[in-house]
């Protein structure tokens, strides 16, 4: 399975056109949020995504989008699939769980509460993909600079350490676009605004 993951393109349509081109080589798409600047042109952006990326697009909202508005807008388009606090089945053995918004807090109580529920609902031997807007704490993809240090989410890291997803995709920090890291066997990726193709072997 080839996944086109992308994040934080902020209503920039030239960038979105580059993402659309990359989508031709993917089986599904995943968006980690911040599709807009403070929600402006949300309908226009989501319509462009739905019409031009002809794939199932699993998405979460970022800190620039309102959760309710984003989910309501997505209902107009069959291939836009919200996964905020939802466990979505992608294939027989692959599932996606998402947590949108945030990005400025070290802890997210709702995400931590979800750990047990996701663990109970996830079929045995299933492969999990975690999609969050903010990156997990103390990794290559949450380190901004020596002065600011690691600014990611401790709750995301707890989720990964307990449930061991195969892949964790996040954005929020433009400074770490296209960087990767690992927590044990979980691959961490900030796919960047122009997107990254990630291949998961059967």
Protein backbone atom coordinates (compact mmCIF):
# COMPACT_ATOMS: atom_id res chain seq x y z
CA UNK A 1 0.00 0.00 0.00
CA UNK A 2 1.31 3.43 -0.99
CA UNK A 3 0.19 6.34 1.19
CA UNK A 4 0.42 9.99 0.17
CA UNK A 5 0.69 11.92 3.44
CA UNK A 6 0.72 15.72 3.57
CA UNK A 7 0.21 18.53 6.07
CA UNK A 8 0.14 22.29 6.67
CA UNK A 9 -0.26 23.57 3.13
CA UNK A 10 -2.40 26.47 4.41
CA UNK A 11 -4.67 27.14 1.40
CA UNK A 12 -1.68 27.40 -0.95
CA UNK A 13 -3.12 26.05 -4.19
CA UNK A 14 0.20 25.76 -6.09
CA UNK A 15 1.34 23.42 -3.30
CA UNK A 16 -1.97 21.58 -3.41
CA UNK A 17 -1.50 21.02 -7.14
CA UNK A 18 1.87 19.37 -6.41
CA UNK A 19 0.16 17.11 -3.88
CA UNK A 20 -2.46 16.23 -6.49
CA UNK A 21 0.26 15.16 -8.92
CA UNK A 22 1.90 12.90 -6.33
CA UNK A 23 -1.49 11.33 -5.59
CA UNK A 24 -1.35 9.58 -8.95
CA UNK A 25 1.24 7.20 -7.44
CA UNK A 26 -0.68 6.44 -4.21
CA UNK A 27 -3.49 4.17 -3.04
CA UNK A 28 -4.78 6.41 -0.24
CA UNK A 29 -4.09 9.92 1.05
CA UNK A 30 -3.73 11.19 4.62
CA UNK A 31 -3.89 14.86 5.62
CA UNK A 32 -2.60 15.92 9.05
CA UNK A 33 -4.44 19.23 9.19
CA UNK A 34 -3.80 22.95 8.75
CA UNK A 35 -5.36 22.94 5.30
CA UNK A 36 -6.20 26.64 5.72
CA UNK A 37 -5.25 29.85 7.48
CA UNK A 38 -7.71 30.07 10.38
CA UNK A 39 -10.43 28.29 8.43
CA UNK A 40 -10.62 30.74 5.52
CA UNK A 41 -11.63 29.15 2.17
CA UNK A 42 -12.16 25.79 3.88
CA UNK A 43 -14.93 24.73 1.50
CA UNK A 44 -12.88 25.77 -1.52
CA UNK A 45 -9.84 23.84 -0.28
CA UNK A 46 -11.77 20.70 0.59
CA UNK A 47 -13.64 20.77 -2.72
CA UNK A 48 -10.34 20.99 -4.61
CA UNK A 49 -8.90 18.10 -2.60
CA UNK A 50 -11.97 15.91 -3.11
CA UNK A 51 -12.26 16.58 -6.84
CA UNK A 52 -8.58 16.39 -7.76
CA UNK A 53 -7.13 13.80 -5.37
CA UNK A 54 -9.13 10.84 -6.59
CA UNK A 55 -8.37 8.66 -3.62
CA UNK A 56 -9.85 8.04 -0.18
CA UNK A 57 -8.52 11.01 1.83
CA UNK A 58 -8.35 10.33 5.57
CA UNK A 59 -7.97 13.63 7.38
CA UNK A 60 -7.89 15.45 10.70
CA UNK A 61 -8.30 19.15 11.41
CA UNK A 62 -5.30 21.21 12.48
CA UNK A 63 -5.07 24.11 14.90
CA UNK A 64 -6.17 26.40 12.04
CA UNK A 65 -9.48 24.55 11.54
CA UNK A 66 -12.55 24.09 13.69
CA UNK A 67 -13.37 20.42 14.28
CA UNK A 68 -17.14 20.66 13.77
CA UNK A 69 -16.97 22.90 10.69
CA UNK A 70 -14.33 20.73 9.04
CA UNK A 71 -16.31 17.53 9.57
CA UNK A 72 -19.57 19.12 8.39
CA UNK A 73 -17.88 20.46 5.25
CA UNK A 74 -16.37 17.08 4.46
CA UNK A 75 -19.83 15.48 4.31
CA UNK A 76 -20.32 17.03 0.87
CA UNK A 77 -17.61 14.79 -0.56
CA UNK A 78 -17.63 10.99 -0.49
CA UNK A 79 -13.86 10.56 -0.50
CA UNK A 80 -13.11 12.87 2.45
CA UNK A 81 -13.04 10.68 5.57
CA UNK A 82 -12.64 12.37 8.99
CA UNK A 83 -10.69 10.29 11.51
CA UNK A 84 -10.48 12.61 14.53
CA UNK A 85 -11.03 10.32 17.54
CA UNK A 86 -12.20 7.63 15.10
CA UNK A 87 -10.80 4.23 14.18
CA UNK A 88 -11.19 3.79 10.43
CA UNK A 89 -10.64 0.56 8.51
CA UNK A 90 -8.45 1.02 5.45
CA UNK A 91 -8.00 -2.59 4.41
CA UNK A 92 -8.46 -6.03 5.92
CA UNK A 93 -5.49 -5.61 8.27
CA UNK A 94 -4.87 -1.84 8.32
CA UNK A 95 -6.62 0.78 10.47
CA UNK A 96 -6.17 4.53 10.98
CA UNK A 97 -6.79 6.45 14.20
CA UNK A 98 -6.60 10.23 14.22
CA UNK A 99 -6.36 13.08 16.70
CA UNK A 100 -6.70 16.58 15.28
CA UNK A 101 -6.21 20.10 16.55
CA UNK A 102 -3.93 21.01 19.40
CA UNK A 103 -0.26 21.44 18.75
CA UNK A 104 0.56 23.71 21.69
CA UNK A 105 -0.03 21.44 24.69
CA UNK A 106 2.28 18.76 26.01
CA UNK A 107 -0.71 16.69 27.10
CA UNK A 108 -4.05 15.90 25.48
CA UNK A 109 -6.41 14.14 27.95
CA UNK A 110 -8.85 13.03 25.23
CA UNK A 111 -6.04 11.32 23.32
CA UNK A 112 -4.86 9.53 26.45
CA UNK A 113 -8.41 8.36 27.20
CA UNK A 114 -8.60 6.94 23.69
CA UNK A 115 -5.59 4.64 24.16
CA UNK A 116 -7.54 1.96 26.04
CA UNK A 117 -10.57 2.15 23.73
CA UNK A 118 -8.47 1.86 20.57
CA UNK A 119 -6.51 -1.04 22.06
CA UNK A 120 -9.76 -2.88 22.82
CA UNK A 121 -11.32 -2.25 19.41
CA UNK A 122 -8.29 -2.94 17.25
CA UNK A 123 -8.39 -6.50 15.89
CA UNK A 124 -5.55 -8.78 16.84
CA UNK A 125 -2.65 -8.67 14.37
CA UNK A 126 -4.06 -5.51 12.76
CA UNK A 127 -1.68 -2.80 11.63
CA UNK A 128 -2.36 0.68 13.00
CA UNK A 129 -1.53 4.10 11.56
CA UNK A 130 -1.68 7.02 14.00
CA UNK A 131 -2.41 10.44 12.49
CA UNK A 132 -2.00 13.50 14.72
CA UNK A 133 -1.54 17.18 14.04
CA UNK A 134 1.14 17.61 16.71
CA UNK A 135 4.18 15.30 16.68
CA UNK A 136 5.14 13.00 19.55
CA UNK A 137 7.43 14.44 22.20
CA UNK A 138 11.23 14.05 22.28
CA UNK A 139 11.84 13.05 18.67
CA UNK A 140 13.56 14.44 15.60
CA UNK A 141 10.21 15.74 14.32
CA UNK A 142 9.35 17.84 17.39
CA UNK A 143 12.76 19.47 17.97
CA UNK A 144 12.64 23.10 16.87
CA UNK A 145 16.03 24.54 17.89
CA UNK A 146 18.38 24.57 20.91
CA UNK A 147 16.50 27.46 22.50
CA UNK A 148 12.96 26.05 22.20
CA UNK A 149 13.88 22.38 22.35
CA UNK A 150 11.29 19.62 22.01
CA UNK A 151 7.74 20.97 21.74
CA UNK A 152 5.75 17.87 20.80
CA UNK A 153 2.97 16.02 22.57
CA UNK A 154 3.69 13.63 25.45
CA UNK A 155 0.23 12.07 25.04
CA UNK A 156 1.02 11.12 21.44
CA UNK A 157 4.19 9.45 22.62
CA UNK A 158 2.26 7.51 25.29
CA UNK A 159 -0.17 6.31 22.61
CA UNK A 160 2.72 5.07 20.47
CA UNK A 161 4.53 3.38 23.36
CA UNK A 162 1.38 1.51 24.44
CA UNK A 163 -0.18 0.54 21.11
CA UNK A 164 2.91 0.32 18.86
CA UNK A 165 1.44 1.61 15.58
CA UNK A 166 3.41 0.73 12.47
CA UNK A 167 3.38 4.36 11.37
CA UNK A 168 2.76 7.72 13.08
CA UNK A 169 2.24 10.72 10.80
CA UNK A 170 2.08 14.30 12.06
CA UNK A 171 2.72 17.88 11.03
CA UNK A 172 2.28 21.26 12.77
CA UNK A 173 5.98 22.16 12.89
CA UNK A 174 7.12 23.52 9.54
CA UNK A 175 10.68 23.45 10.84
CA UNK A 176 10.68 19.64 10.71
CA UNK A 177 9.00 19.11 7.33
CA UNK A 178 10.18 15.85 5.68
CA UNK A 179 12.06 14.58 8.75
CA UNK A 180 11.65 11.03 10.05
CA UNK A 181 12.43 9.19 13.27
CA UNK A 182 11.46 6.05 15.17
CA UNK A 183 10.04 5.10 18.55
CA UNK A 184 11.00 1.43 18.79
CA UNK A 185 9.40 -0.08 15.67
CA UNK A 186 7.06 2.82 14.92
CA UNK A 187 8.14 4.98 11.98
CA UNK A 188 7.52 8.70 12.61
CA UNK A 189 7.07 11.02 9.65
CA UNK A 190 6.41 14.71 9.15
CA UNK A 191 5.39 14.47 5.48
CA UNK A 192 5.70 18.19 4.75
CA UNK A 193 3.42 20.55 2.86
CA UNK A 194 4.12 19.04 -0.57
CA UNK A 195 3.61 15.52 0.71
CA UNK A 196 5.57 12.30 1.02
CA UNK A 197 4.81 8.87 -0.41
CA UNK A 198 5.13 6.20 2.28
CA UNK A 199 4.95 2.54 1.28
CA UNK A 200 3.73 -0.08 3.72
CA UNK A 201 4.60 -3.64 2.81
CA UNK A 202 1.97 -6.39 3.14
